[in-house]
Amino acid sequence: MRIQQSSTEEVKQTITTILSDVKSYPTSLNYAVNYCRAALSMSGHELHTQTLYILNNITHWRHPEAKNIRMVLKNFKA
């Protein structure tokens, strides 16, 4: 089974979904919000590095799409 790499567009869409969960900002998304905002203006290796920061900071985030979002971020390679 081959895992498909995520595209820059997919990553930015998932980041937008994270940012849309405003009610979780003060709790589970705390630092991730700033990392997500910065990531929207990045690309390539810089974006890949930022996705690692985002992943590390959304471990306690509960959202209907959280599992899929984590998968997209994990599968992004610059």
N, C-alpha and C. Protein backbone atom coordinates (compact mmCIF):
# COMPACT_ATOMS: atom_id res chain seq x y z
N MET A 1 0.84 -1.18 0.00
CA MET A 1 0.00 0.00 0.00
C MET A 1 0.89 1.25 0.00
N ARG A 2 0.67 2.09 -0.95
CA ARG A 2 1.47 3.30 -1.09
C ARG A 2 0.69 4.50 -0.57
N ILE A 3 1.34 5.29 0.26
CA ILE A 3 0.71 6.48 0.81
C ILE A 3 0.97 7.64 -0.13
N GLN A 4 -0.08 8.32 -0.50
CA GLN A 4 0.03 9.44 -1.44
C GLN A 4 0.50 10.68 -0.70
N GLN A 5 1.48 11.36 -1.29
CA GLN A 5 1.97 12.60 -0.71
C GLN A 5 0.93 13.70 -0.85
N SER A 6 0.86 14.54 0.15
CA SER A 6 -0.05 15.68 0.13
C SER A 6 0.58 16.82 -0.66
N SER A 7 -0.26 17.57 -1.37
CA SER A 7 0.22 18.72 -2.12
C SER A 7 0.19 19.97 -1.25
N THR A 8 0.87 20.99 -1.71
CA THR A 8 0.87 22.27 -0.99
C THR A 8 -0.55 22.80 -0.86
N GLU A 9 -1.34 22.65 -1.91
CA GLU A 9 -2.73 23.12 -1.89
C GLU A 9 -3.54 22.38 -0.82
N GLU A 10 -3.38 21.06 -0.73
CA GLU A 10 -4.09 20.28 0.29
C GLU A 10 -3.69 20.71 1.70
N VAL A 11 -2.40 20.95 1.89
CA VAL A 11 -1.91 21.36 3.20
C VAL A 11 -2.51 22.71 3.59
N LYS A 12 -2.53 23.63 2.67
CA LYS A 12 -3.07 24.96 2.97
C LYS A 12 -4.58 24.90 3.22
N GLN A 13 -5.29 24.01 2.55
CA GLN A 13 -6.71 23.83 2.82
C GLN A 13 -6.93 23.30 4.23
N THR A 14 -6.12 22.34 4.64
CA THR A 14 -6.26 21.79 5.99
C THR A 14 -5.92 22.83 7.04
N ILE A 15 -4.92 23.65 6.76
CA ILE A 15 -4.56 24.72 7.69
C ILE A 15 -5.72 25.71 7.83
N THR A 16 -6.39 25.99 6.74
CA THR A 16 -7.56 26.87 6.78
C THR A 16 -8.65 26.25 7.65
N THR A 17 -8.83 24.95 7.57
CA THR A 17 -9.81 24.26 8.41
C THR A 17 -9.44 24.39 9.88
N ILE A 18 -8.17 24.21 10.19
CA ILE A 18 -7.72 24.37 11.58
C ILE A 18 -8.04 25.78 12.07
N LEU A 19 -7.71 26.78 11.26
CA LEU A 19 -7.95 28.18 11.64
C LEU A 19 -9.44 28.51 11.77
N SER A 20 -10.29 27.75 11.10
CA SER A 20 -11.73 28.01 11.18
C SER A 20 -12.35 27.55 12.50
N ASP A 21 -11.62 26.75 13.26
CA ASP A 21 -12.13 26.25 14.54
C ASP A 21 -11.80 27.24 15.66
N VAL A 22 -12.36 28.41 15.57
CA VAL A 22 -12.06 29.52 16.47
C VAL A 22 -12.34 29.17 17.93
N LYS A 23 -13.36 28.38 18.20
CA LYS A 23 -13.71 28.06 19.59
C LYS A 23 -12.61 27.26 20.29
N SER A 24 -11.73 26.61 19.54
CA SER A 24 -10.64 25.83 20.13
C SER A 24 -9.34 26.63 20.29
N TYR A 25 -9.33 27.88 19.85
CA TYR A 25 -8.11 28.69 19.95
C TYR A 25 -7.52 28.74 21.37
N PRO A 26 -8.33 29.05 22.37
CA PRO A 26 -7.74 29.20 23.71
C PRO A 26 -7.38 27.88 24.39
N THR A 27 -7.82 26.78 23.85
CA THR A 27 -7.56 25.49 24.50
C THR A 27 -6.61 24.64 23.67
N SER A 28 -7.13 23.74 22.88
CA SER A 28 -6.31 22.76 22.17
C SER A 28 -5.49 23.31 21.01
N LEU A 29 -5.84 24.46 20.47
CA LEU A 29 -5.08 25.01 19.34
C LEU A 29 -4.09 26.08 19.74
N ASN A 30 -4.14 26.51 20.94
CA ASN A 30 -3.27 27.52 21.52
C ASN A 30 -2.14 28.02 20.60
N TYR A 31 -0.96 27.42 20.61
CA TYR A 31 0.18 27.88 19.81
C TYR A 31 0.03 27.54 18.33
N ALA A 32 -0.72 26.53 18.01
CA ALA A 32 -0.87 26.10 16.62
C ALA A 32 -1.44 27.20 15.74
N VAL A 33 -2.25 28.06 16.29
CA VAL A 33 -2.88 29.13 15.51
C VAL A 33 -1.82 30.01 14.84
N ASN A 34 -0.84 30.44 15.60
CA ASN A 34 0.21 31.29 15.02
C ASN A 34 1.04 30.54 14.00
N TYR A 35 1.33 29.28 14.26
CA TYR A 35 2.07 28.47 13.29
C TYR A 35 1.27 28.32 11.99
N CYS A 36 -0.04 28.13 12.12
CA CYS A 36 -0.90 28.00 10.94
C CYS A 36 -0.96 29.29 10.14
N ARG A 37 -1.10 30.40 10.83
CA ARG A 37 -1.15 31.69 10.13
C ARG A 37 0.13 31.94 9.35
N ALA A 38 1.26 31.64 9.96
CA ALA A 38 2.55 31.82 9.29
C ALA A 38 2.68 30.88 8.10
N ALA A 39 2.18 29.65 8.23
CA ALA A 39 2.32 28.65 7.18
C ALA A 39 1.60 29.03 5.89
N LEU A 40 0.55 29.81 5.99
CA LEU A 40 -0.21 30.18 4.80
C LEU A 40 0.62 30.98 3.80
N SER A 41 1.69 31.61 4.25
CA SER A 41 2.52 32.39 3.34
C SER A 41 3.83 31.67 2.98
N MET A 42 3.92 30.39 3.32
CA MET A 42 5.14 29.62 3.08
C MET A 42 4.95 28.60 1.96
N SER A 43 6.08 28.07 1.50
CA SER A 43 6.05 26.99 0.51
C SER A 43 7.32 26.15 0.66
N GLY A 44 7.36 25.03 -0.03
CA GLY A 44 8.54 24.18 -0.05
C GLY A 44 8.98 23.68 1.31
N HIS A 45 10.30 23.65 1.50
CA HIS A 45 10.88 23.11 2.73
C HIS A 45 10.44 23.91 3.96
N GLU A 46 10.29 25.20 3.79
CA GLU A 46 9.84 26.05 4.89
C GLU A 46 8.44 25.63 5.37
N LEU A 47 7.54 25.37 4.42
CA LEU A 47 6.20 24.91 4.76
C LEU A 47 6.25 23.54 5.42
N HIS A 48 7.09 22.66 4.90
CA HIS A 48 7.23 21.32 5.49
C HIS A 48 7.65 21.41 6.96
N THR A 49 8.62 22.24 7.24
CA THR A 49 9.08 22.42 8.62
C THR A 49 7.95 22.97 9.48
N GLN A 50 7.20 23.91 8.94
CA GLN A 50 6.10 24.51 9.70
C GLN A 50 5.01 23.48 9.99
N THR A 51 4.76 22.55 9.05
CA THR A 51 3.75 21.52 9.30
C THR A 51 4.14 20.65 10.49
N LEU A 52 5.42 20.45 10.70
CA LEU A 52 5.87 19.67 11.86
C LEU A 52 5.54 20.40 13.16
N TYR A 53 5.71 21.70 13.17
CA TYR A 53 5.34 22.50 14.34
C TYR A 53 3.83 22.43 14.57
N ILE A 54 3.07 22.53 13.49
CA ILE A 54 1.61 22.48 13.60
C ILE A 54 1.18 21.12 14.15
N LEU A 55 1.70 20.05 13.58
CA LEU A 55 1.36 18.71 14.04
C LEU A 55 1.64 18.53 15.52
N ASN A 56 2.77 19.01 15.96
CA ASN A 56 3.15 18.89 17.36
C ASN A 56 2.20 19.65 18.29
N ASN A 57 1.57 20.69 17.75
CA ASN A 57 0.71 21.53 18.58
C ASN A 57 -0.78 21.27 18.41
N ILE A 58 -1.16 20.26 17.64
CA ILE A 58 -2.58 19.92 17.52
C ILE A 58 -2.87 18.51 18.04
N THR A 59 -1.99 17.98 18.85
CA THR A 59 -2.16 16.60 19.33
C THR A 59 -3.41 16.43 20.20
N HIS A 60 -3.83 17.48 20.88
CA HIS A 60 -5.01 17.39 21.75
C HIS A 60 -6.27 17.99 21.11
N TRP A 61 -6.15 18.38 19.86
CA TRP A 61 -7.28 19.01 19.15
C TRP A 61 -8.28 17.95 18.73
N ARG A 62 -9.53 18.16 19.10
CA ARG A 62 -10.62 17.26 18.72
C ARG A 62 -11.55 18.00 17.78
N HIS A 63 -11.70 17.45 16.61
CA HIS A 63 -12.52 18.06 15.56
C HIS A 63 -12.94 16.92 14.65
N PRO A 64 -14.10 17.02 14.01
CA PRO A 64 -14.53 15.93 13.11
C PRO A 64 -13.52 15.60 12.01
N GLU A 65 -12.74 16.57 11.57
CA GLU A 65 -11.76 16.36 10.51
C GLU A 65 -10.33 16.21 11.02
N ALA A 66 -10.14 16.20 12.33
CA ALA A 66 -8.78 16.20 12.90
C ALA A 66 -7.93 15.04 12.40
N LYS A 67 -8.47 13.85 12.35
CA LYS A 67 -7.69 12.68 11.91
C LYS A 67 -7.22 12.86 10.47
N ASN A 68 -8.12 13.28 9.59
CA ASN A 68 -7.75 13.49 8.18
C ASN A 68 -6.75 14.62 8.03
N ILE A 69 -6.92 15.67 8.82
CA ILE A 69 -6.01 16.81 8.75
C ILE A 69 -4.61 16.39 9.17
N ARG A 70 -4.52 15.62 10.24
CA ARG A 70 -3.21 15.13 10.68
C ARG A 70 -2.55 14.28 9.59
N MET A 71 -3.35 13.47 8.92
CA MET A 71 -2.83 12.60 7.86
C MET A 71 -2.27 13.44 6.70
N VAL A 72 -3.00 14.46 6.29
CA VAL A 72 -2.54 15.32 5.21
C VAL A 72 -1.24 16.00 5.59
N LEU A 73 -1.18 16.53 6.80
CA LEU A 73 0.05 17.20 7.25
C LEU A 73 1.23 16.24 7.34
N LYS A 74 0.99 15.03 7.83
CA LYS A 74 2.05 14.04 7.94
C LYS A 74 2.57 13.59 6.58
N ASN A 75 1.70 13.59 5.58
CA ASN A 75 2.07 13.11 4.25
C ASN A 75 2.65 14.19 3.34
N PHE A 76 2.87 15.38 3.88
CA PHE A 76 3.45 16.45 3.07
C PHE A 76 4.97 16.39 3.10
N LYS A 77 5.55 16.32 1.96
CA LYS A 77 7.02 16.34 1.82
C LYS A 77 7.36 17.42 0.82
N ALA A 78 8.29 18.26 1.19
CA ALA A 78 8.68 19.38 0.32
C ALA A 78 9.61 18.89 -0.79
